[in-house]
N, C-alpha and C. Protein backbone atom coordinates (compact mmCIF):
# COMPACT_ATOMS: atom_id res chain seq x y z
N MET A 1 69.08 101.17 106.77
CA MET A 1 68.11 101.18 105.42
C MET A 1 69.21 101.33 104.39
N CYS A 2 69.17 100.51 103.23
CA CYS A 2 69.89 100.69 102.26
C CYS A 2 69.79 101.99 101.19
N LEU A 3 70.86 102.88 101.04
CA LEU A 3 70.37 104.00 100.45
C LEU A 3 69.85 103.97 99.01
N CYS A 4 70.31 102.86 98.62
CA CYS A 4 69.28 103.00 97.15
C CYS A 4 67.66 102.75 97.52
N HIS A 5 67.49 102.14 98.66
CA HIS A 5 65.97 102.07 98.63
C HIS A 5 65.66 103.52 99.56
N ALA A 6 66.55 104.00 100.16
CA ALA A 6 65.95 105.52 100.96
C ALA A 6 65.58 106.40 99.65
N TYR A 7 66.46 106.35 98.64
CA TYR A 7 66.30 107.18 97.59
C TYR A 7 65.33 106.91 96.46
N GLY A 8 64.72 105.74 96.64
CA GLY A 8 63.66 105.20 95.62
C GLY A 8 64.17 104.11 94.85
N PHE A 9 65.57 103.74 95.02
CA PHE A 9 66.06 102.82 93.81
C PHE A 9 66.17 101.50 94.61
N GLY A 10 65.00 100.56 94.30
CA GLY A 10 64.93 99.17 94.85
C GLY A 10 65.60 98.24 93.75
N ILE A 11 64.63 97.75 93.06
CA ILE A 11 65.29 96.83 91.99
C ILE A 11 65.20 97.64 90.78
N PHE A 12 66.34 97.65 89.89
CA PHE A 12 66.41 98.17 88.51
C PHE A 12 66.59 97.48 87.63
N SER A 13 66.20 98.09 86.52
CA SER A 13 66.68 97.02 85.31
C SER A 13 68.09 97.25 84.90
N ARG A 14 68.65 96.52 84.03
CA ARG A 14 70.03 96.65 83.58
C ARG A 14 70.26 97.66 82.76
N SER A 15 68.80 98.32 81.84
CA SER A 15 68.89 98.90 81.03
C SER A 15 68.90 100.32 81.77
N SER A 16 68.69 100.70 82.96
CA SER A 16 68.55 101.74 83.61
C SER A 16 69.93 101.92 84.74
N PHE A 17 70.62 101.20 84.31
CA PHE A 17 71.90 100.88 85.69
C PHE A 17 72.81 101.92 85.37
N ARG A 18 73.32 102.41 84.06
CA ARG A 18 74.26 103.40 83.72
C ARG A 18 73.80 104.79 84.10
N SER A 19 72.38 104.63 84.39
CA SER A 19 71.84 106.24 84.50
C SER A 19 71.66 106.22 85.94
N PHE A 20 71.49 104.99 86.78
CA PHE A 20 71.70 104.90 88.10
C PHE A 20 73.08 105.38 88.74
N MET A 21 73.85 104.71 88.05
CA MET A 21 75.28 104.91 88.43
C MET A 21 75.79 106.19 88.44
N LEU A 22 75.06 107.06 87.24
CA LEU A 22 75.50 108.61 87.07
C LEU A 22 74.69 109.20 88.32
N TYR A 23 73.60 109.01 88.64
CA TYR A 23 72.90 109.44 89.67
C TYR A 23 73.53 109.46 90.80
N ALA A 24 73.89 108.25 91.30
CA ALA A 24 74.99 107.88 92.51
C ALA A 24 76.30 108.56 92.58
N THR A 25 76.91 108.83 91.25
CA THR A 25 78.06 109.62 91.34
C THR A 25 77.77 111.21 91.70
N VAL A 26 76.56 111.52 90.88
CA VAL A 26 76.18 112.98 91.43
C VAL A 26 75.93 112.96 92.83
N MET A 27 75.07 112.18 93.32
CA MET A 27 74.78 112.20 94.73
C MET A 27 75.56 112.28 95.71
N PHE A 28 76.71 111.51 95.58
CA PHE A 28 77.83 111.20 96.27
C PHE A 28 78.72 112.49 96.17
N ALA A 29 78.95 113.00 95.19
CA ALA A 29 79.43 114.41 95.17
C ALA A 29 78.92 115.40 95.60
N SER A 30 77.32 115.65 95.67
CA SER A 30 76.90 116.51 96.39
C SER A 30 77.03 116.20 97.89
N PHE A 31 76.79 115.21 98.29
CA PHE A 31 77.16 114.66 99.94
C PHE A 31 78.49 115.44 100.46
N LEU A 32 79.21 115.03 99.65
CA LEU A 32 81.03 115.63 99.72
C LEU A 32 80.81 117.06 99.58
N SER A 33 80.35 117.70 98.77
CA SER A 33 80.19 119.10 98.61
C SER A 33 79.98 119.96 99.78
N ILE A 34 78.61 119.35 100.76
CA ILE A 34 77.90 119.86 101.69
C ILE A 34 78.50 119.53 102.97
N GLN A 35 79.54 118.68 102.78
CA GLN A 35 80.31 118.36 103.80
C GLN A 35 79.58 117.28 104.94
N VAL A 36 78.69 116.47 104.51
CA VAL A 36 78.10 115.82 105.12
C VAL A 36 78.79 114.09 105.86
N THR A 37 79.65 114.43 106.72
CA THR A 37 80.60 113.47 107.04
C THR A 37 79.70 112.04 107.17
N ASP A 38 78.93 112.06 108.17
CA ASP A 38 77.88 110.64 108.39
C ASP A 38 77.62 110.06 107.11
N VAL A 39 76.83 111.04 106.11
CA VAL A 39 76.40 110.14 104.92
C VAL A 39 77.56 109.63 104.12
N CYS A 40 78.53 110.82 103.95
CA CYS A 40 79.70 110.08 102.75
C CYS A 40 80.30 108.84 103.65
N SER A 41 80.45 108.71 104.83
CA SER A 41 81.05 107.56 105.44
C SER A 41 80.00 106.41 104.98
N ALA A 42 78.98 106.51 105.19
CA ALA A 42 77.64 105.46 105.05
C ALA A 42 77.52 105.28 103.42
N CYS A 43 78.29 106.01 102.63
CA CYS A 43 78.35 105.78 101.33
C CYS A 43 79.31 104.19 101.11
N PHE A 44 80.40 104.42 101.84
CA PHE A 44 81.37 103.37 101.45
C PHE A 44 80.61 102.23 101.77
N GLU A 45 79.74 102.14 102.90
CA GLU A 45 79.16 100.76 103.16
C GLU A 45 78.31 100.28 102.35
N GLN A 46 77.69 100.92 101.25
CA GLN A 46 76.81 100.59 100.30
C GLN A 46 77.69 100.51 99.06
N ARG A 47 78.10 99.57 98.87
CA ARG A 47 79.26 99.18 97.91
C ARG A 47 78.57 98.37 96.38
N THR A 48 77.21 98.10 96.62
CA THR A 48 76.48 97.60 95.40
C THR A 48 75.96 98.98 94.78
N VAL A 49 75.71 100.46 95.47
CA VAL A 49 75.42 101.13 95.03
C VAL A 49 76.58 102.27 94.44
N PHE A 50 77.33 102.45 95.59
CA PHE A 50 78.35 103.23 95.47
C PHE A 50 79.84 102.52 94.91
N THR A 51 79.82 102.08 94.10
CA THR A 51 80.81 101.31 93.56
C THR A 51 82.17 102.08 93.29
N GLN A 52 83.31 101.23 93.19
CA GLN A 52 84.66 101.89 92.78
C GLN A 52 84.73 102.84 91.73
N GLN A 53 83.67 102.71 90.74
CA GLN A 53 83.57 103.81 89.55
C GLN A 53 82.74 104.86 89.98
N VAL A 54 82.08 104.71 91.00
CA VAL A 54 81.29 105.81 91.15
C VAL A 54 82.05 106.89 91.88
N PHE A 55 83.06 106.13 93.08
CA PHE A 55 83.91 106.82 93.68
C PHE A 55 85.03 107.20 92.93
N SER A 56 85.16 107.06 91.94
CA SER A 56 86.41 107.29 90.91
C SER A 56 85.99 108.61 90.30
N LYS A 57 84.67 108.51 89.49
CA LYS A 57 84.26 109.51 88.67
C LYS A 57 83.76 110.62 89.70
N ALA A 58 83.58 110.48 90.83
CA ALA A 58 83.09 111.62 91.47
C ALA A 58 84.17 112.34 92.09
N LEU A 59 85.07 111.56 92.51
CA LEU A 59 86.44 112.67 93.04
C LEU A 59 87.34 113.24 92.07
N ASN A 60 87.11 112.35 90.63
CA ASN A 60 87.56 113.22 89.45
C ASN A 60 86.87 114.18 89.31
N GLN A 61 85.66 114.61 89.20
CA GLN A 61 85.00 115.80 89.12
C GLN A 61 85.17 116.63 90.33
N MET A 62 85.47 116.29 91.33
CA MET A 62 85.61 117.11 92.43
C MET A 62 87.10 117.67 92.69
N VAL A 63 88.12 117.14 92.26
CA VAL A 63 89.44 117.56 92.29
C VAL A 63 89.51 118.87 91.52
N ASP A 64 88.70 119.14 90.66
CA ASP A 64 88.97 120.32 89.63
C ASP A 64 88.22 121.70 90.23
N GLN A 65 87.32 121.51 91.19
CA GLN A 65 86.33 122.58 91.69
C GLN A 65 87.30 123.22 92.77
N THR A 66 86.96 124.87 92.76
CA THR A 66 87.40 125.72 93.50
C THR A 66 86.08 126.40 94.25
N PRO A 67 86.27 126.31 95.58
CA PRO A 67 87.47 125.53 96.18
C PRO A 67 87.20 124.21 96.57
N LEU A 68 88.17 123.31 96.68
CA LEU A 68 87.87 122.18 97.26
C LEU A 68 87.31 121.65 98.42
N PRO A 69 86.40 120.97 98.31
CA PRO A 69 85.57 120.55 99.69
C PRO A 69 86.44 119.94 100.86
N LEU A 70 86.39 120.62 101.86
CA LEU A 70 87.44 120.42 103.05
C LEU A 70 87.65 118.60 103.52
N LEU A 71 86.19 117.90 102.95
CA LEU A 71 86.50 116.55 103.23
C LEU A 71 87.06 116.02 101.83
N PHE A 72 87.28 116.59 100.88
CA PHE A 72 88.26 115.86 99.85
C PHE A 72 89.15 115.04 100.24
N MET A 73 90.30 115.11 101.14
CA MET A 73 91.42 114.19 101.33
C MET A 73 90.73 113.21 102.19
N ARG A 74 90.04 113.44 102.95
CA ARG A 74 89.63 112.28 103.46
C ARG A 74 88.86 111.34 102.97
N THR A 75 87.86 111.65 101.86
CA THR A 75 87.38 110.89 100.99
C THR A 75 88.19 110.07 99.97
N VAL A 76 89.53 110.69 99.85
CA VAL A 76 90.15 109.81 98.97
C VAL A 76 91.27 109.04 99.82
N ILE A 77 91.10 108.99 101.14
CA ILE A 77 91.79 108.06 101.71
C ILE A 77 90.71 107.11 102.34
N GLN A 78 89.31 107.51 102.31
CA GLN A 78 88.88 106.37 102.61
C GLN A 78 88.35 105.48 101.22
N ALA A 79 88.51 106.12 100.07
CA ALA A 79 88.41 105.33 98.66
C ALA A 79 89.73 104.27 98.70
N ILE A 80 91.11 104.83 98.95
CA ILE A 80 92.00 103.96 98.62
C ILE A 80 91.86 102.78 99.92
N ASP A 81 91.38 103.11 101.03
CA ASP A 81 90.89 102.00 102.12
C ASP A 81 90.11 101.00 101.26
N ALA A 82 89.20 101.59 101.14
CA ALA A 82 88.04 100.28 100.52
C ALA A 82 88.15 99.67 98.95
N PHE A 83 89.09 100.63 98.33
CA PHE A 83 89.17 100.05 97.04
C PHE A 83 91.07 100.03 96.72
N PRO A 84 91.99 99.26 97.11
CA PRO A 84 93.18 99.22 97.05
C PRO A 84 93.39 99.20 95.39
N SER A 85 92.61 98.93 94.88
CA SER A 85 92.92 99.11 93.10
C SER A 85 92.92 100.27 92.47
N LEU A 86 92.37 101.34 93.42
CA LEU A 86 92.26 102.70 93.15
C LEU A 86 93.89 103.29 92.89
N VAL A 87 94.86 102.77 93.28
CA VAL A 87 96.32 103.63 93.65
C VAL A 87 96.50 104.35 92.75
N ASP A 88 96.55 103.56 91.46
CA ASP A 88 97.25 104.66 90.51
C ASP A 88 96.19 105.74 90.15
N PHE A 89 94.87 105.77 90.39
CA PHE A 89 94.08 106.67 89.90
C PHE A 89 94.05 108.01 91.13
N VAL A 90 94.37 107.26 92.32
CA VAL A 90 94.59 108.06 93.45
C VAL A 90 96.12 108.98 93.11
N MET A 91 97.01 108.28 92.60
CA MET A 91 98.06 109.12 92.23
C MET A 91 98.04 110.17 91.45
N GLU A 92 96.99 109.95 90.45
CA GLU A 92 96.62 111.11 89.37
C GLU A 92 96.01 112.46 90.55
N ILE A 93 95.15 111.83 91.17
CA ILE A 93 94.45 112.87 91.82
C ILE A 93 95.47 113.62 92.78
N LEU A 94 96.60 113.10 93.23
CA LEU A 94 97.54 113.74 93.86
C LEU A 94 98.15 114.51 93.09
N SER A 95 98.46 114.21 92.11
CA SER A 95 99.58 114.88 90.99
C SER A 95 98.75 116.25 90.66
N LYS A 96 97.14 115.98 90.76
CA LYS A 96 96.51 117.28 90.27
C LYS A 96 96.48 118.13 91.64
N LEU A 97 96.36 117.68 92.51
CA LEU A 97 96.58 118.55 93.56
C LEU A 97 97.90 119.09 93.79
N VAL A 98 98.93 118.61 93.43
CA VAL A 98 100.22 119.35 93.67
C VAL A 98 100.09 120.61 92.54
N SER A 99 99.39 120.38 91.33
CA SER A 99 99.62 121.50 90.18
C SER A 99 98.71 122.45 91.09
N ARG A 100 97.97 122.23 91.70
CA ARG A 100 96.88 123.07 92.46
C ARG A 100 97.46 123.75 93.66
N GLN A 101 98.77 123.64 93.80
CA GLN A 101 99.31 123.96 95.18
C GLN A 101 98.80 123.72 96.40
N VAL A 102 98.56 122.10 96.49
CA VAL A 102 97.59 121.81 97.57
C VAL A 102 98.25 122.55 99.04
N TRP A 103 99.71 122.65 99.11
CA TRP A 103 100.35 123.19 100.37
C TRP A 103 99.54 124.55 100.80
N LYS A 104 99.14 125.33 99.92
CA LYS A 104 98.40 126.63 100.09
C LYS A 104 96.87 126.37 100.83
N MET A 105 96.60 124.94 100.84
CA MET A 105 95.30 124.52 101.63
C MET A 105 95.76 123.72 103.03
N PRO A 106 95.75 124.39 103.96
CA PRO A 106 96.33 123.86 105.32
C PRO A 106 95.55 122.36 105.62
N LYS A 107 94.22 122.46 105.41
CA LYS A 107 93.41 121.15 106.06
C LYS A 107 93.76 120.22 105.03
N LEU A 108 93.72 120.57 103.54
CA LEU A 108 93.91 119.54 102.74
C LEU A 108 95.45 119.21 102.53
N TRP A 109 96.29 119.99 102.94
CA TRP A 109 97.53 119.45 102.79
C TRP A 109 97.97 118.44 103.94
N VAL A 110 97.29 118.92 105.21
CA VAL A 110 97.58 117.48 106.03
C VAL A 110 97.30 116.13 105.69
N GLY A 111 95.83 116.22 104.74
CA GLY A 111 95.24 115.05 104.36
C GLY A 111 95.84 114.64 103.68
N PHE A 112 96.63 115.44 102.58
CA PHE A 112 97.46 114.99 101.15
C PHE A 112 98.83 114.29 102.07
N LEU A 113 99.34 114.75 102.93
CA LEU A 113 100.60 114.12 103.36
C LEU A 113 100.21 112.89 104.18
N LYS A 114 99.05 112.56 104.82
CA LYS A 114 98.71 111.31 105.29
C LYS A 114 98.74 110.20 104.00
N CYS A 115 97.98 110.93 103.08
CA CYS A 115 97.63 110.00 101.73
C CYS A 115 98.87 109.60 101.16
N VAL A 116 100.07 110.17 101.19
CA VAL A 116 101.21 110.01 100.28
C VAL A 116 102.01 109.20 101.39
N SER A 117 101.99 109.19 102.61
CA SER A 117 102.70 108.35 103.57
C SER A 117 101.96 106.97 103.41
N GLN A 118 100.44 106.99 103.52
CA GLN A 118 99.53 105.43 103.43
C GLN A 118 100.21 104.82 102.12
N THR A 119 100.24 105.58 100.99
CA THR A 119 100.49 104.74 99.70
C THR A 119 101.89 104.74 99.36
N ARG A 120 102.95 105.06 100.07
CA ARG A 120 104.15 104.47 99.70
C ARG A 120 104.49 103.37 99.19
N PRO A 121 105.27 102.65 98.27
CA PRO A 121 105.90 103.44 97.61
C PRO A 121 105.31 104.02 96.41
N HIS A 122 104.08 104.08 95.84
CA HIS A 122 103.37 104.61 94.85
C HIS A 122 103.38 106.03 94.99
N SER A 123 103.59 106.29 95.85
CA SER A 123 103.50 107.98 95.73
C SER A 123 104.86 108.67 95.74
N PHE A 124 105.89 107.90 95.81
CA PHE A 124 107.07 108.69 95.64
C PHE A 124 107.13 109.33 94.27
N ARG A 125 106.78 108.91 93.07
CA ARG A 125 106.99 110.08 92.32
C ARG A 125 106.10 111.32 92.35
N VAL A 126 104.90 111.18 93.20
CA VAL A 126 104.15 112.21 93.56
C VAL A 126 104.94 113.19 94.39
N LEU A 127 105.55 112.87 95.34
CA LEU A 127 106.29 113.44 96.31
C LEU A 127 107.43 114.47 95.52
N LEU A 128 108.23 113.57 94.49
CA LEU A 128 108.99 114.16 93.89
C LEU A 128 108.82 115.38 92.74
N GLN A 129 107.39 115.63 92.78
CA GLN A 129 106.94 116.75 91.84
C GLN A 129 106.56 117.95 92.78
N LEU A 130 106.86 117.79 94.23
CA LEU A 130 106.70 118.89 95.09
C LEU A 130 107.89 119.97 95.03
N PRO A 131 107.64 121.12 94.93
CA PRO A 131 109.09 121.99 95.27
C PRO A 131 109.81 121.97 96.58
N PRO A 132 110.84 121.72 96.26
CA PRO A 132 111.82 121.37 97.22
C PRO A 132 111.41 122.04 98.69
N PRO A 133 110.69 123.21 99.10
CA PRO A 133 110.62 123.53 100.50
C PRO A 133 109.25 122.79 101.14
N GLN A 134 108.49 122.22 99.95
CA GLN A 134 107.11 121.48 100.36
C GLN A 134 107.69 120.16 100.58
N LEU A 135 108.79 119.64 99.88
CA LEU A 135 109.38 118.17 100.21
C LEU A 135 109.64 118.38 101.38
N GLU A 136 110.65 119.20 101.84
CA GLU A 136 111.12 119.37 103.05
C GLU A 136 110.14 119.40 104.26
N SER A 137 109.26 120.21 104.08
CA SER A 137 108.15 120.21 104.87
C SER A 137 107.41 118.42 105.09
N ALA A 138 107.25 118.28 103.85
CA ALA A 138 106.41 116.88 104.24
C ALA A 138 107.73 115.83 104.72
N LEU A 139 108.89 115.69 104.24
CA LEU A 139 109.84 114.51 105.03
C LEU A 139 109.73 115.07 106.76
N ASN A 140 109.84 116.58 107.02
CA ASN A 140 109.88 116.60 108.29
C ASN A 140 108.85 116.24 109.30
N LYS A 141 107.63 116.20 108.63
CA LYS A 141 106.31 115.88 109.27
C LYS A 141 106.16 114.04 109.04
N HIS A 142 107.16 113.73 108.14
CA HIS A 142 106.57 112.23 108.10
C HIS A 142 108.02 111.50 107.63
N GLY A 143 108.54 111.38 108.79
CA GLY A 143 110.16 110.95 108.79
C GLY A 143 110.15 109.71 108.27
N ASN A 144 109.26 108.53 108.18
CA ASN A 144 109.48 107.44 107.95
C ASN A 144 109.44 107.41 106.05
N LEU A 145 109.10 108.48 105.37
CA LEU A 145 109.24 108.77 103.91
C LEU A 145 110.54 109.05 103.66
N ARG A 146 111.56 109.59 104.43
CA ARG A 146 112.84 110.08 104.16
C ARG A 146 113.69 108.92 103.27
N VAL A 147 114.20 107.70 104.18
CA VAL A 147 114.93 107.07 103.67
C VAL A 147 114.55 106.19 102.74
N PRO A 148 113.32 105.55 102.24
CA PRO A 148 112.68 105.16 101.29
C PRO A 148 112.60 105.93 100.03
N LEU A 149 112.33 107.32 100.24
CA LEU A 149 112.43 108.14 99.29
C LEU A 149 113.62 108.33 98.50
N ALA A 150 114.62 108.55 99.34
CA ALA A 150 116.03 108.95 99.03
C ALA A 150 116.49 107.70 98.22
N SER A 151 116.19 106.50 98.70
CA SER A 151 116.65 105.05 97.98
C SER A 151 115.89 104.87 96.50
N TYR A 152 114.50 105.34 96.18
CA TYR A 152 114.09 105.32 95.46
C TYR A 152 114.50 106.38 94.31
N ALA A 153 115.02 107.67 94.80
CA ALA A 153 115.64 108.79 94.18
C ALA A 153 116.87 108.31 93.67
N SER A 154 117.70 107.54 94.30
CA SER A 154 119.01 107.13 93.94
C SER A 154 118.94 106.08 92.67
N GLN A 155 118.03 105.90 92.47
CA GLN A 155 118.03 104.99 91.01
C GLN A 155 118.47 105.40 89.59
N PRO A 156 119.48 105.10 89.04
CA PRO A 156 119.97 106.02 87.92
C PRO A 156 118.92 106.32 86.88
N ASN A 157 117.77 105.77 86.71
CA ASN A 157 117.24 106.43 85.66
C ASN A 157 115.83 107.18 86.25
N ILE A 158 116.34 107.51 87.76
CA ILE A 158 115.17 108.49 88.39
C ILE A 158 116.07 109.53 88.82
N ARG A 159 117.43 109.14 89.25
CA ARG A 159 118.33 110.41 89.68
C ARG A 159 118.55 111.34 88.60
N THR A 160 119.08 110.90 87.53
CA THR A 160 119.09 111.88 86.47
C THR A 160 117.87 112.93 86.18
N SER A 161 116.68 112.57 86.57
CA SER A 161 115.39 113.64 86.01
C SER A 161 115.34 114.64 87.06
N ILE A 162 115.99 114.35 88.47
CA ILE A 162 115.95 115.16 89.67
C ILE A 162 116.97 116.47 89.62
N PRO A 163 116.01 117.18 89.82
CA PRO A 163 117.21 118.67 90.08
C PRO A 163 117.99 118.32 91.25
N ARG A 164 119.45 119.29 91.28
CA ARG A 164 120.47 118.94 92.26
C ARG A 164 119.58 119.58 93.56
N SER A 165 118.50 120.93 93.53
CA SER A 165 117.97 121.56 94.79
C SER A 165 117.08 120.34 95.69
N MET A 166 116.42 119.36 94.52
CA MET A 166 115.85 118.24 95.13
C MET A 166 116.44 117.26 95.77
N LEU A 167 117.82 117.02 95.36
CA LEU A 167 118.56 115.85 95.71
C LEU A 167 119.19 116.38 96.97
N ALA A 168 119.25 117.57 97.36
CA ALA A 168 119.86 118.30 98.36
C ALA A 168 118.81 118.07 99.43
N VAL A 169 117.80 118.11 99.16
CA VAL A 169 116.84 117.71 100.26
C VAL A 169 116.64 116.26 100.82
N LEU A 170 116.93 115.63 99.63
CA LEU A 170 116.92 114.09 99.95
C LEU A 170 117.86 113.84 101.23
N GLY A 171 119.02 114.47 100.93
CA GLY A 171 120.41 113.95 101.61
C GLY A 171 121.40 114.36 100.80
N PRO A 172 122.55 114.10 101.49
CA PRO A 172 124.19 114.54 100.59
C PRO A 172 124.38 113.39 99.93
N ALA A 173 124.09 112.20 100.32
CA ALA A 173 124.59 110.84 99.48
C ALA A 173 123.98 110.99 98.33
N ASN A 174 122.61 111.48 98.14
CA ASN A 174 121.82 111.51 96.47
C ASN A 174 122.55 112.45 95.90
N GLU A 175 122.76 113.87 96.63
CA GLU A 175 123.71 114.87 95.94
C GLU A 175 124.72 114.47 95.30
N SER A 176 125.79 113.64 96.18
CA SER A 176 127.05 113.14 95.45
C SER A 176 126.85 112.37 94.45
N HIS A 177 125.93 111.37 94.49
CA HIS A 177 125.54 110.37 93.44
C HIS A 177 125.43 111.19 92.17
N LYS A 178 124.74 112.20 92.28
CA LYS A 178 124.08 113.38 91.20
C LYS A 178 125.59 113.83 90.34
N GLN A 179 126.60 114.09 91.48
CA GLN A 179 128.05 114.94 91.03
C GLN A 179 128.76 113.92 90.36
N GLN A 180 128.85 112.75 90.91
CA GLN A 180 129.62 111.51 90.81
C GLN A 180 130.15 111.40 89.17
N PRO A 181 129.14 111.64 88.19
CA PRO A 181 129.67 111.39 86.85
C PRO A 181 130.44 112.36 86.29
N HIS A 182 129.91 113.74 86.68
CA HIS A 182 130.77 114.87 86.65
C HIS A 182 132.47 114.69 86.99
N VAL A 183 132.31 114.26 88.25
CA VAL A 183 133.44 114.15 88.92
C VAL A 183 134.40 113.05 88.31
N SER A 184 133.79 112.00 87.67
CA SER A 184 134.37 110.92 87.00
C SER A 184 134.94 111.59 85.79
N SER A 185 134.26 112.35 84.97
CA SER A 185 134.50 112.83 83.71
C SER A 185 135.62 113.76 83.96
N ILE A 186 135.71 114.43 85.19
CA ILE A 186 137.11 115.53 85.14
C ILE A 186 138.28 114.63 85.41
N HIS A 187 138.25 113.63 86.35
CA HIS A 187 139.49 112.82 86.67
C HIS A 187 139.72 112.09 85.56
N SER A 188 138.81 111.89 84.58
CA SER A 188 139.21 111.05 83.21
C SER A 188 139.83 111.57 82.44
N THR A 189 139.52 113.07 82.32
CA THR A 189 140.23 114.30 81.53
C THR A 189 141.50 114.52 82.11
N GLU A 190 141.47 114.66 83.54
CA GLU A 190 142.82 115.11 83.77
C GLU A 190 143.78 113.71 83.60
N THR A 191 143.36 112.82 83.72
CA THR A 191 144.31 111.70 83.72
C THR A 191 144.76 111.51 82.14
N SER A 192 143.76 111.74 81.34
CA SER A 192 144.25 111.59 79.62
C SER A 192 145.27 112.82 79.59
N SER A 193 145.14 113.89 80.13
CA SER A 193 146.04 115.28 79.62
C SER A 193 147.24 114.81 80.17
N SER A 194 147.27 114.05 81.58
CA SER A 194 148.32 113.63 82.09
C SER A 194 149.44 112.81 81.21
N THR A 195 148.68 111.89 80.43
CA THR A 195 149.58 110.74 79.83
C THR A 195 149.88 111.48 78.48
N HIS A 196 149.02 112.26 78.12
CA HIS A 196 149.29 112.81 76.78
C HIS A 196 150.62 113.44 76.97
N GLY A 197 150.66 114.57 78.17
CA GLY A 197 151.68 115.36 78.45
C GLY A 197 152.97 114.37 78.75
N THR A 198 152.81 113.10 79.13
CA THR A 198 154.13 112.38 79.49
C THR A 198 154.80 111.86 78.23
N ASN A 199 153.55 111.63 77.39
CA ASN A 199 154.29 110.93 75.94
C ASN A 199 154.60 111.97 75.17
N LEU A 200 154.23 113.36 75.35
CA LEU A 200 154.87 114.15 74.41
C LEU A 200 156.28 114.46 75.02
N ALA A 201 156.85 114.29 76.25
CA ALA A 201 157.80 114.42 76.91
C ALA A 201 158.69 113.38 76.40
């Protein structure tokens, strides 16, 4: 049976649609809070009721809660699977989780890593927000991320904003790229000094 009928919402007028969407958002957030797995999964099958907007609003509300529901990352992954166009929104959610130190929440950390792995390359900027020890942990658990992330980080416009400690995690090649302009500068200075000395002689 359709959930909208189950909760007394059969046919509703356009004027009440906004209120209904608000109700659907609150209802889904409630299911997530009390960790009703089967019901949460069923919501993704009722897309005429639980739309992309409903899921995004619910997740945006839930990400600021303390503690976070244990099913939160599972639901984020389901949302991005059901609605791929939510990818930019999901990146914002993941960034918020980094600021909340998601690695200190073991069960959610596992889901976080699964999500960043599934959403690469979009998730690369989020991964680079992690502290070096947590980034190292992420790359050790999901080895498929290391090479493409290192390639992403080696782009000139990206590399200049990454701390050396982070580049060391990504690998020697990236660290040497960071140091190269400095080395070239020194070489140029030495060459200039040598030439100047020769001219004086």
